[in-house]
Protein backbone atom coordinates (compact mmCIF):
# COMPACT_ATOMS: atom_id res chain seq x y z
CA MET A 1 -0.02 -0.53 0.01
CA SER A 2 1.37 3.04 -0.99
CA GLU A 3 2.18 5.85 1.28
CA GLU A 4 -0.53 8.36 -0.01
CA SER A 5 -2.79 5.93 0.78
CA ASP A 6 -2.88 5.67 4.31
CA LYS A 7 -3.08 9.52 4.70
CA LEU A 8 -6.59 10.46 5.81
CA ASN A 9 -8.41 13.82 6.05
CA GLU A 10 -9.90 15.86 8.89
CA ARG A 11 -13.19 14.12 8.48
CA GLU A 12 -11.88 10.67 8.35
CA PHE A 13 -9.37 11.06 11.31
CA ALA A 14 -12.07 12.48 13.42
CA GLU A 15 -14.05 9.76 12.75
CA LEU A 16 -11.65 6.80 13.38
CA LEU A 17 -10.46 8.58 16.61
CA LYS A 18 -14.70 8.63 17.54
CA GLN A 19 -14.98 4.98 16.46
CA ALA A 20 -12.09 3.64 18.47
CA VAL A 21 -12.81 5.90 21.94
CA THR A 22 -16.71 4.69 21.63
CA ARG A 23 -15.08 1.12 21.60
CA GLU A 24 -12.61 1.22 23.98
CA SER A 25 -15.40 3.27 26.34
CA SER A 26 -17.35 0.38 25.47
CA ASP A 27 -15.47 -2.67 25.73
CA ALA A 28 -13.72 -1.42 29.44
CA ARG A 29 -16.88 1.11 30.62
CA ARG A 30 -14.55 3.60 31.37
CA PRO A 31 -15.46 7.32 31.33
CA PHE A 32 -13.02 9.63 29.64
CA THR A 33 -11.72 12.67 31.96
CA ARG A 34 -9.91 16.50 31.25
CA GLU A 35 -6.51 14.95 31.62
CA ASP A 36 -7.00 11.93 29.40
CA LEU A 37 -8.27 14.22 26.58
CA LEU A 38 -5.09 16.71 27.24
CA LYS A 39 -2.77 13.55 27.18
CA ALA A 40 -4.04 12.35 23.84
CA GLY A 41 -3.69 16.18 22.67
CA GLU A 42 -0.20 16.22 23.84
CA GLU A 43 0.53 12.94 21.75
CA LEU A 44 -1.16 14.47 18.26
CA GLY A 45 1.00 17.39 18.46
CA LEU A 46 -2.35 19.92 19.40
CA GLN A 47 -2.25 22.65 21.46
CA ARG A 48 -2.81 22.27 25.23
CA ASP A 49 -4.34 25.99 25.46
CA VAL A 50 -6.78 25.04 22.25
CA LEU A 51 -8.04 22.03 24.18
CA GLU A 52 -8.30 23.77 27.45
CA THR A 53 -10.73 26.28 25.63
CA ALA A 54 -12.72 23.59 23.63
CA TYR A 55 -12.77 21.10 27.22
CA THR A 56 -14.59 24.37 28.89
CA GLU A 57 -16.86 25.36 26.44
CA HIS A 58 -17.86 21.80 25.87
CA VAL A 59 -18.64 21.91 30.05
CA ALA A 60 -20.57 25.14 29.62
CA ARG A 61 -23.18 23.33 26.66
CA ARG A 62 -23.46 20.30 29.21
CA ARG A 63 -24.36 22.66 32.06
CA GLU A 64 -26.72 24.65 30.14
CA HIS A 65 -28.75 21.46 28.91
CA SER A 66 -28.45 20.17 32.80
CA LEU A 67 -30.37 23.75 33.60
CA LYS A 68 -32.71 24.25 30.43
CA PRO A 69 -35.89 22.67 31.28
CA PRO A 70 -36.93 20.25 29.03
CA ASP A 71 -40.54 21.91 28.62
CA THR A 72 -39.89 25.68 28.57
CA SER A 73 -41.58 27.75 25.91
CA ILE A 74 -38.21 30.11 25.65
CA GLU A 75 -36.28 29.95 23.17
CA LEU A 76 -32.34 30.98 23.92
CA GLU A 77 -29.29 30.17 20.95
CA LYS A 78 -25.70 30.53 21.57
CA VAL A 79 -23.76 31.61 18.30
CA GLY A 80 -20.30 31.98 17.96
CA ASP A 81 -20.36 35.28 20.31
CA LYS A 82 -24.08 35.84 19.76
CA LEU A 83 -26.93 35.61 21.99
CA THR A 84 -30.58 35.74 21.50
CA LEU A 85 -33.15 35.17 23.37
CA PHE A 86 -37.02 35.00 22.94
CA VAL A 87 -39.46 34.98 25.84
CA PRO A 88 -42.87 34.40 24.36
CA ARG A 89 -46.50 35.58 25.41
CA ARG A 90 -47.30 34.11 28.68
CA GLY A 91 -51.12 34.43 28.52
CA PHE A 92 -53.34 35.68 31.66
CA ARG A 93 -52.27 34.40 35.27
CA GLY A 94 -54.20 34.22 38.22
CA SER A 95 -53.66 37.67 39.65
CA GLN A 96 -54.05 39.32 36.09
CA LEU A 97 -57.49 37.58 35.45
CA THR A 98 -58.72 39.28 38.92
CA THR A 99 -57.52 42.64 37.70
CA LEU A 100 -59.01 42.41 34.87
CA GLY A 101 -62.21 41.56 36.38
CA LEU A 102 -62.62 44.25 38.63
CA ALA A 103 -61.71 46.64 35.62
CA LEU A 104 -64.61 45.15 33.65
CA PHE A 105 -66.78 45.40 36.77
CA MET A 106 -65.27 48.75 37.41
CA VAL A 107 -66.51 49.56 33.18
CA ALA A 108 -69.49 48.16 33.88
CA PHE A 109 -70.55 50.15 36.81
CA ILE A 110 -69.33 53.33 34.77
CA ILE A 111 -71.57 52.60 32.26
CA PHE A 112 -74.57 52.46 34.35
CA TRP A 113 -73.36 55.85 36.21
CA THR A 114 -72.90 57.36 33.17
CA ALA A 115 -76.28 56.42 31.49
CA GLY A 116 -78.32 57.53 34.77
CA ALA A 117 -76.15 60.88 34.67
CA LEU A 118 -77.11 61.56 31.12
CA ARG A 119 -80.76 60.28 31.38
CA ALA A 120 -81.34 62.75 34.25
CA ASN A 121 -79.56 65.65 32.00
CA VAL A 122 -77.44 66.12 34.97
CA TRP A 123 -73.87 66.83 33.17
CA PHE A 124 -71.67 67.32 36.10
CA ALA A 125 -72.00 63.71 37.32
CA ALA A 126 -71.91 62.36 34.12
CA LEU A 127 -68.09 64.62 33.43
CA SER A 128 -67.36 63.47 36.93
CA ALA A 129 -67.04 59.73 35.84
CA ALA A 130 -63.89 60.85 33.06
CA PRO A 131 -61.37 60.11 35.45
CA PHE A 132 -62.95 56.52 36.43
CA TRP A 133 -63.09 55.49 32.82
CA ILE A 134 -59.60 56.04 32.41
CA THR A 135 -58.51 54.28 35.29
CA ALA A 136 -60.61 51.43 34.38
CA PHE A 137 -59.17 51.24 30.37
CA TYR A 138 -55.96 51.68 31.27
CA MET A 139 -56.21 48.91 33.84
CA ILE A 140 -57.49 46.85 30.77
CA PHE A 141 -54.88 47.96 28.79
CA ALA A 142 -52.36 47.09 31.28
CA VAL A 143 -53.38 43.39 31.96
CA VAL A 144 -53.98 42.56 28.06
CA ARG A 145 -50.12 44.15 27.34
CA SER A 146 -49.12 42.34 30.04
CA ALA A 147 -50.20 38.92 29.27
CA TRP A 148 -49.24 39.38 25.60
CA GLN A 149 -46.31 40.44 25.57
CA ARG A 150 -43.19 39.03 24.07
CA VAL A 151 -39.51 39.55 24.26
CA TRP A 152 -36.93 39.50 21.83
CA LEU A 153 -32.97 40.03 23.46
CA GLU A 154 -30.09 39.81 21.12
CA LEU A 155 -26.17 40.38 22.38
CA ARG A 156 -23.26 40.71 20.70
CA PRO A 157 -19.83 41.95 22.51
CA GLU A 158 -20.10 45.42 20.77
CA ARG A 159 -23.98 45.83 20.35
CA GLY A 160 -27.24 44.63 21.87
CA LEU A 161 -30.98 45.28 21.06
CA LEU A 162 -34.33 44.89 23.94
CA VAL A 163 -37.44 45.21 21.95
CA CYS A 164 -40.39 44.53 24.01
CA THR A 165 -44.00 43.86 21.99
CA PRO A 166 -46.72 45.09 21.74
CA PHE A 167 -46.26 48.43 23.33
CA GLY A 168 -43.09 48.33 25.71
CA PRO A 169 -39.54 49.19 25.58
CA ARG A 170 -37.34 48.52 22.54
CA ALA A 171 -33.52 49.29 23.83
CA GLU A 172 -30.18 49.89 22.03
CA LEU A 173 -27.66 48.19 24.79
CA ARG A 174 -24.06 48.56 25.29
CA PRO A 175 -22.87 45.09 27.17
CA GLU A 176 -20.13 47.04 28.94
CA PHE A 177 -22.70 48.85 30.84
CA LEU A 178 -24.86 45.83 31.39
CA SER A 179 -25.45 43.46 34.17
CA VAL A 180 -27.97 40.84 34.98
CA ARG A 181 -29.61 39.51 38.58
CA GLN A 182 -32.36 38.02 39.88
CA GLY A 183 -34.87 39.58 42.09
CA VAL A 184 -38.47 41.12 42.47
CA ARG A 185 -39.56 44.15 40.87
CA PRO A 186 -40.38 47.24 43.40
CA PRO A 187 -44.15 47.67 44.54
CA SER A 188 -46.23 49.98 42.50
CA HIS A 189 -49.50 51.13 43.94
CA PHE A 190 -50.22 52.24 40.23
CA ARG A 191 -49.76 48.63 38.25
CA SER A 192 -51.67 46.24 40.12
CA ASP A 193 -51.40 44.19 36.71
CA LEU A 194 -47.66 43.53 37.43
CA PRO A 195 -47.37 40.40 39.13
CA VAL A 196 -45.88 39.42 42.22
CA GLY A 197 -42.60 37.42 42.45
CA SER A 198 -38.80 37.27 40.87
CA SER A 199 -37.95 38.39 37.91
CA VAL A 200 -34.71 38.17 35.86
CA ILE A 201 -33.61 41.89 35.77
CA LEU A 202 -31.64 43.60 33.21
CA GLU A 203 -29.80 46.91 34.68
CA HIS A 204 -28.38 49.73 31.92
CA GLY A 205 -27.16 52.62 32.81
CA THR A 206 -30.08 54.23 34.49
CA ARG A 207 -32.65 52.33 33.00
CA THR A 208 -34.18 48.65 34.31
CA PHE A 209 -35.94 46.21 32.68
CA PHE A 210 -37.54 43.19 34.32
CA LEU A 211 -37.84 39.96 32.26
CA LEU A 212 -39.57 36.59 32.86
CA GLU A 213 -41.92 38.21 35.60
CA GLY A 214 -44.46 35.10 36.25
CA PHE A 215 -41.91 32.44 34.73
CA SER A 216 -41.29 29.70 36.83
CA ASP A 217 -37.79 30.13 39.14
CA VAL A 218 -36.21 27.53 37.19
CA GLU A 219 -36.88 29.21 33.99
CA GLN A 220 -35.75 32.27 35.50
CA ARG A 221 -32.25 30.51 37.13
CA TRP A 222 -31.68 28.79 33.35
CA ILE A 223 -31.39 32.42 31.76
CA PHE A 224 -29.86 33.82 34.75
CA VAL A 225 -27.19 31.86 34.25
CA GLU A 226 -26.75 32.03 30.83
CA LEU A 227 -27.01 36.02 30.67
CA ASN A 228 -24.41 36.48 33.12
CA ALA A 229 -21.81 33.50 32.01
CA TRP A 230 -22.10 35.43 28.29
CA LEU A 231 -21.62 38.82 30.01
CA THR A 232 -18.57 37.66 32.06
CA LYS A 233 -17.36 36.02 28.70
CA ALA A 234 -17.67 38.61 26.30
CA ARG A 235 -15.82 41.26 29.21
CA GLY A 236 -12.77 39.11 29.67
CA GLY A 237 -14.12 37.76 33.55
CA THR A 238 -16.03 40.52 34.84
CA GLY A 239 -19.78 39.48 35.01
CA GLY A 240 -23.10 40.61 36.11
CA HIS A 241 -24.35 40.70 40.07
CA PRO A 242 -23.82 37.39 41.66
CA SER A 243 -26.41 35.42 42.35
CA GLU A 244 -28.02 35.19 46.08
């Protein structure tokens, strides 16, 4: 057999190594370690730092897979140095249905009040209901927007973009000013439609964005870990706020 016929291309070389490792592991029931990888790479003349990087990235991918809930509707993708996150609408939940019911009751009462005032030709009483009309319709609008809002986040080392639709913020982001943590939105007397519970909090300069409100703690933890790891890598080792 000629020397040329003994040569393997990159695909053949990788495939044969994979087959040999699979056979060795199956026969001996032996797991391979990081040191086995580095030793094999040294025998093949591969650079140690290249293998270290590949191993670290593999462990990160495996950890990501273990943290991701199997039944989540949230989509997160990392391609190269780009991270994209899509949070779908979550629909109506218990606290929102309560607020929506209260708002609809207010509307029914205001209609009754306004119609009675108009029939009695008491215009002042009819006009006095205007603030209550505004409050009721704002409550309905806020609940529907929160239930149907979708979030799109795209991050690159040099820039980022956050879009919340419908009727949500759109923000150009600079990752060097971005931090992430888990926490709870401060209570508001004017936004009773907001869900009570933890969220993933993005802080960018003077602005604060609350993501994944109403989603499970497991999903929030998964996204927090992924965003924090991405920021740490993008900054060369200094990430967001540590988890409590």
